[in-house]
Amino acid sequence: MKLKSILAALLLMVAGLQTAWGQKMIVTLNDNSKVTYSISQVKEVSFVESEEHEYVDLGLPSGTKWATCNVGASSPEEYGNHFAWGETAPKDEYNWSTYFDTDDGGITFKKYNNNGGLTELQPEDDAATANWGSGWQMPSPDQIKELFNSSYTTTKRTTLNDVYGCKITSKSNGNSIFLPAAGYRWGDDLADAGSYGLYWPSSLYPGSDDGAYYLDFSSGYWIWDYTFGRYLGLSVRAVRQ
């Protein structure tokens, strides 16, 4: 805040000095290095909120870092958006007729299929990459399996600010993330919110063109090696390396 005040004062001073084009503005960075600008080079200075998204290092063998909140959310317990698998924006209706990858109600698929098509989401169809940038991706099934591997983490069904979900805590460094049980979108309804957490990874399910892998947890279990209709709207928790 102090730096902002100093820069703002300097800019006001510069604005009132029509003959000061020969002056320079020096910005001192956090590492004490300095960047110098001639006043004549500066058209405008703006302060904007950072769009960086926070992540947690759970000390996993793969080095995967997990985001602290869902895509579309601003806090760990917030549900965020629900996405059909391979789509990058929420919508009003989740069914085969609104799904991007089929023209015949989920019988055949144009881009992602097990018959010569793609089986891993491309960046343009990855909800994490499309919304948060190239450093982020939807997790792979292996990354989800690693997250719930009892050799590396402990899991606890609990609440955060009165929102039910699953807390995953690292055995190596004690860091943790919270996955809210945000349910899923089917048609125009939100189903099982507050009871089930359902999350998409980035892979099509082998031998099942109409389904993709998904993570599913409730009060009594969690599963990841199964398939769910990819037109349904599930949560996305992004990862990065």
Protein backbone atom coordinates (compact mmCIF):
# COMPACT_ATOMS: atom_id res chain seq x y z
CA MET A 1 0.00 0.00 0.00
CA LYS A 2 2.88 2.36 0.75
CA LEU A 3 4.30 1.81 -2.74
CA LYS A 4 0.90 2.52 -4.26
CA SER A 5 0.67 5.82 -2.35
CA ILE A 6 4.13 6.90 -3.42
CA LEU A 7 3.51 6.07 -7.07
CA ALA A 8 0.14 7.81 -7.03
CA ALA A 9 1.72 10.94 -5.58
CA LEU A 10 4.44 10.89 -8.20
CA LEU A 11 1.92 10.56 -11.00
CA LEU A 12 -0.13 13.47 -9.69
CA MET A 13 3.01 15.54 -9.52
CA VAL A 14 3.94 14.60 -13.07
CA ALA A 15 0.46 15.42 -14.34
CA GLY A 16 0.79 18.96 -13.02
CA LEU A 17 4.23 19.61 -14.44
CA GLN A 18 3.87 20.22 -18.15
CA THR A 19 7.57 21.00 -18.45
CA ALA A 20 8.81 17.92 -16.60
CA TRP A 21 9.22 15.57 -19.57
CA GLY A 22 12.91 15.23 -18.88
CA GLN A 23 12.31 13.70 -15.45
CA LYS A 24 12.43 10.00 -14.66
CA MET A 25 10.32 7.67 -12.54
CA ILE A 26 12.20 5.00 -10.58
CA VAL A 27 10.31 1.95 -9.31
CA THR A 28 12.00 -0.14 -6.60
CA LEU A 29 10.98 -3.81 -6.67
CA ASN A 30 10.75 -6.27 -3.77
CA ASP A 31 14.28 -7.53 -4.42
CA ASN A 32 15.55 -3.91 -4.21
CA SER A 33 16.29 -3.80 -7.93
CA LYS A 34 15.20 -0.62 -9.66
CA VAL A 35 13.39 -0.01 -12.93
CA THR A 36 13.71 3.45 -14.45
CA TYR A 37 11.24 5.07 -16.86
CA SER A 38 11.43 8.43 -18.55
CA ILE A 39 8.24 10.37 -17.85
CA SER A 40 7.82 10.86 -21.57
CA GLN A 41 7.59 7.06 -21.96
CA VAL A 42 4.76 6.62 -19.45
CA LYS A 43 1.26 6.94 -20.85
CA GLU A 44 -0.68 5.41 -17.97
CA VAL A 45 -0.14 3.47 -14.75
CA SER A 46 -2.93 1.21 -13.47
CA PHE A 47 -3.29 -0.98 -10.40
CA VAL A 48 -5.35 -4.15 -10.97
CA GLU A 49 -6.18 -7.12 -8.77
CA SER A 50 -3.99 -10.15 -9.39
CA GLU A 51 -5.63 -13.03 -11.25
CA GLU A 52 -3.20 -15.57 -9.83
CA HIS A 53 -4.86 -18.61 -8.29
CA GLU A 54 -3.53 -20.15 -5.12
CA TYR A 55 -2.35 -23.74 -4.82
CA VAL A 56 -1.13 -26.14 -2.16
CA ASP A 57 1.95 -28.35 -2.25
CA LEU A 58 0.96 -31.63 -0.63
CA GLY A 59 4.42 -33.15 -1.03
CA LEU A 60 3.15 -35.72 -3.53
CA PRO A 61 5.71 -37.84 -5.40
CA SER A 62 4.60 -36.49 -8.80
CA GLY A 63 5.14 -32.90 -7.69
CA THR A 64 1.52 -32.04 -8.48
CA LYS A 65 0.21 -28.89 -6.83
CA TRP A 66 -3.54 -28.71 -6.20
CA ALA A 67 -5.56 -25.51 -6.41
CA THR A 68 -7.14 -24.31 -3.18
CA CYS A 69 -10.61 -23.90 -4.72
CA ASN A 70 -12.73 -25.15 -7.60
CA VAL A 71 -12.75 -23.47 -10.99
CA GLY A 72 -15.35 -20.73 -10.77
CA ALA A 73 -14.99 -20.39 -6.99
CA SER A 74 -13.15 -17.86 -4.86
CA SER A 75 -12.86 -19.85 -1.61
CA PRO A 76 -12.20 -23.53 -0.78
CA GLU A 77 -15.76 -24.27 0.32
CA GLU A 78 -17.49 -22.48 -2.57
CA TYR A 79 -18.96 -24.86 -5.14
CA GLY A 80 -17.77 -22.97 -8.21
CA ASN A 81 -19.00 -23.84 -11.69
CA HIS A 82 -20.15 -27.19 -13.05
CA PHE A 83 -18.85 -28.30 -16.44
CA ALA A 84 -19.79 -31.03 -18.87
CA TRP A 85 -16.65 -33.02 -19.67
CA GLY A 86 -14.71 -31.22 -22.40
CA GLU A 87 -16.69 -27.98 -22.10
CA THR A 88 -15.24 -24.82 -20.64
CA ALA A 89 -18.25 -22.78 -19.53
CA PRO A 90 -21.31 -23.49 -17.37
CA LYS A 91 -24.74 -23.53 -19.02
CA ASP A 92 -28.44 -23.71 -18.21
CA GLU A 93 -29.16 -27.25 -19.47
CA TYR A 94 -26.95 -30.33 -19.19
CA ASN A 95 -28.05 -33.06 -21.60
CA TRP A 96 -26.94 -34.72 -24.82
CA SER A 97 -28.74 -32.16 -26.97
CA THR A 98 -26.59 -29.34 -25.54
CA TYR A 99 -23.33 -31.31 -25.46
CA PHE A 100 -20.62 -30.08 -27.82
CA ASP A 101 -19.17 -33.39 -29.02
CA THR A 102 -22.21 -35.19 -30.43
CA ASP A 103 -24.92 -34.49 -32.99
CA ASP A 104 -26.99 -37.61 -32.43
CA GLY A 105 -27.82 -37.64 -28.74
CA GLY A 106 -24.68 -39.34 -27.46
CA ILE A 107 -24.53 -42.27 -29.89
CA THR A 108 -21.40 -41.17 -31.75
CA PHE A 109 -18.81 -38.55 -30.87
CA LYS A 110 -16.89 -36.25 -33.18
CA LYS A 111 -13.67 -35.39 -31.37
CA TYR A 112 -13.25 -37.55 -28.27
CA ASN A 113 -13.81 -41.29 -28.66
CA ASN A 114 -12.05 -44.65 -28.33
CA ASN A 115 -12.28 -45.42 -32.04
CA GLY A 116 -9.43 -43.38 -33.45
CA GLY A 117 -10.40 -40.11 -31.76
CA LEU A 118 -8.77 -38.29 -28.86
CA THR A 119 -9.02 -39.67 -25.34
CA GLU A 120 -7.24 -36.89 -23.40
CA LEU A 121 -8.66 -33.38 -23.26
CA GLN A 122 -6.83 -30.81 -25.36
CA PRO A 123 -6.07 -27.41 -23.76
CA GLU A 124 -8.93 -25.68 -25.58
CA ASP A 125 -11.39 -28.19 -24.07
CA ASP A 126 -9.85 -28.28 -20.59
CA ALA A 127 -11.98 -26.20 -18.20
CA ALA A 128 -8.99 -25.44 -15.96
CA THR A 129 -6.70 -24.33 -18.79
CA ALA A 130 -9.38 -22.36 -20.60
CA ASN A 131 -10.45 -20.45 -17.49
CA TRP A 132 -7.21 -20.12 -15.53
CA GLY A 133 -4.48 -20.17 -18.15
CA SER A 134 -1.84 -22.50 -19.55
CA GLY A 135 -0.20 -23.26 -16.20
CA TRP A 136 -3.32 -25.09 -15.02
CA GLN A 137 -4.93 -28.35 -16.13
CA MET A 138 -7.66 -30.71 -15.08
CA PRO A 139 -6.07 -33.61 -13.18
CA SER A 140 -5.38 -36.95 -14.78
CA PRO A 141 -6.88 -40.12 -13.27
CA ASP A 142 -3.41 -40.96 -11.93
CA GLN A 143 -3.18 -37.61 -10.16
CA ILE A 144 -6.55 -38.18 -8.51
CA LYS A 145 -5.50 -41.69 -7.50
CA GLU A 146 -2.29 -40.26 -6.01
CA LEU A 147 -4.25 -37.60 -4.11
CA PHE A 148 -6.30 -40.28 -2.36
CA ASN A 149 -3.44 -42.74 -1.88
CA SER A 150 -3.27 -43.55 1.84
CA SER A 151 0.52 -43.76 1.61
CA TYR A 152 0.65 -40.03 0.93
CA THR A 153 -2.48 -38.47 2.41
CA THR A 154 -5.29 -38.88 4.90
CA THR A 155 -8.91 -38.12 4.03
CA LYS A 156 -11.67 -36.90 6.30
CA ARG A 157 -15.29 -36.12 5.56
CA THR A 158 -15.94 -32.85 7.34
CA THR A 159 -17.37 -29.36 6.99
CA LEU A 160 -15.74 -26.03 6.24
CA ASN A 161 -17.83 -22.98 7.10
CA ASP A 162 -20.87 -25.28 7.28
CA VAL A 163 -20.21 -26.75 3.83
CA TYR A 164 -19.83 -30.53 3.70
CA GLY A 165 -16.90 -31.99 1.80
CA CYS A 166 -13.65 -33.89 2.00
CA LYS A 167 -10.40 -32.68 3.57
CA ILE A 168 -7.24 -34.25 2.19
CA THR A 169 -4.12 -33.79 4.33
CA SER A 170 -0.54 -34.55 3.35
CA LYS A 171 1.32 -37.07 5.48
CA SER A 172 4.65 -35.53 4.55
CA ASN A 173 4.12 -31.82 5.29
CA GLY A 174 0.67 -31.44 6.89
CA ASN A 175 -0.72 -29.21 4.15
CA SER A 176 -4.31 -29.82 3.12
CA ILE A 177 -7.04 -29.01 0.61
CA PHE A 178 -10.81 -29.11 0.93
CA LEU A 179 -13.13 -30.43 -1.79
CA PRO A 180 -16.75 -29.34 -1.32
CA ALA A 181 -19.51 -31.82 -2.06
CA ALA A 182 -20.97 -29.70 -4.84
CA GLY A 183 -23.18 -32.37 -6.41
CA TYR A 184 -23.73 -32.38 -10.17
CA ARG A 185 -25.85 -30.74 -12.85
CA TRP A 186 -28.40 -32.80 -14.76
CA GLY A 187 -30.84 -31.02 -17.03
CA ASP A 188 -31.49 -27.74 -15.25
CA ASP A 189 -31.23 -29.25 -11.75
CA LEU A 190 -28.43 -29.33 -9.20
CA ALA A 191 -28.49 -32.84 -7.70
CA ASP A 192 -26.94 -34.19 -4.48
CA ALA A 193 -25.25 -30.90 -3.48
CA GLY A 194 -24.13 -31.16 0.13
CA SER A 195 -23.99 -34.97 -0.04
CA TYR A 196 -21.79 -35.99 -2.98
CA GLY A 197 -18.65 -34.52 -4.46
CA LEU A 198 -18.14 -35.31 -8.15
CA TYR A 199 -15.09 -34.09 -10.05
CA TRP A 200 -13.87 -34.53 -13.62
CA PRO A 201 -10.35 -35.59 -14.54
CA SER A 202 -9.04 -35.14 -18.08
CA SER A 203 -9.45 -38.66 -19.52
CA LEU A 204 -12.15 -40.46 -21.45
CA TYR A 205 -13.10 -43.82 -19.97
CA PRO A 206 -11.66 -46.73 -22.01
CA GLY A 207 -14.31 -48.63 -23.92
CA SER A 208 -17.06 -46.16 -23.06
CA ASP A 209 -17.31 -43.27 -25.49
CA ASP A 210 -20.25 -41.68 -23.69
CA GLY A 211 -18.46 -41.55 -20.33
CA ALA A 212 -15.31 -40.21 -18.73
CA TYR A 213 -13.45 -41.04 -15.56
CA TYR A 214 -14.72 -39.19 -12.51
CA LEU A 215 -14.06 -38.82 -8.79
CA ASP A 216 -17.04 -39.48 -6.54
CA PHE A 217 -17.08 -39.21 -2.77
CA SER A 218 -19.79 -39.17 -0.11
CA SER A 219 -19.90 -39.87 3.61
CA GLY A 220 -18.96 -43.51 3.23
CA TYR A 221 -16.71 -43.95 0.22
CA TRP A 222 -14.72 -42.47 -2.63
CA ILE A 223 -14.24 -43.92 -6.11
CA TRP A 224 -12.30 -42.74 -9.11
CA ASP A 225 -11.92 -45.73 -11.48
CA TYR A 226 -15.39 -45.58 -12.97
CA THR A 227 -17.36 -43.81 -15.69
CA PHE A 228 -20.03 -41.09 -15.69
CA GLY A 229 -22.04 -39.60 -18.55
CA ARG A 230 -19.90 -36.77 -19.86
CA TYR A 231 -22.81 -34.49 -20.67
CA LEU A 232 -23.40 -34.06 -16.92
CA GLY A 233 -22.06 -31.02 -15.09
CA LEU A 234 -19.37 -31.84 -12.52
CA SER A 235 -16.90 -29.79 -10.52
CA VAL A 236 -13.32 -29.16 -11.63
CA ARG A 237 -10.35 -28.80 -9.27
CA ALA A 238 -7.30 -27.64 -11.20
CA VAL A 239 -3.71 -28.82 -10.81
CA ARG A 240 -0.29 -27.59 -11.87
CA GLN A 241 3.32 -28.73 -11.70
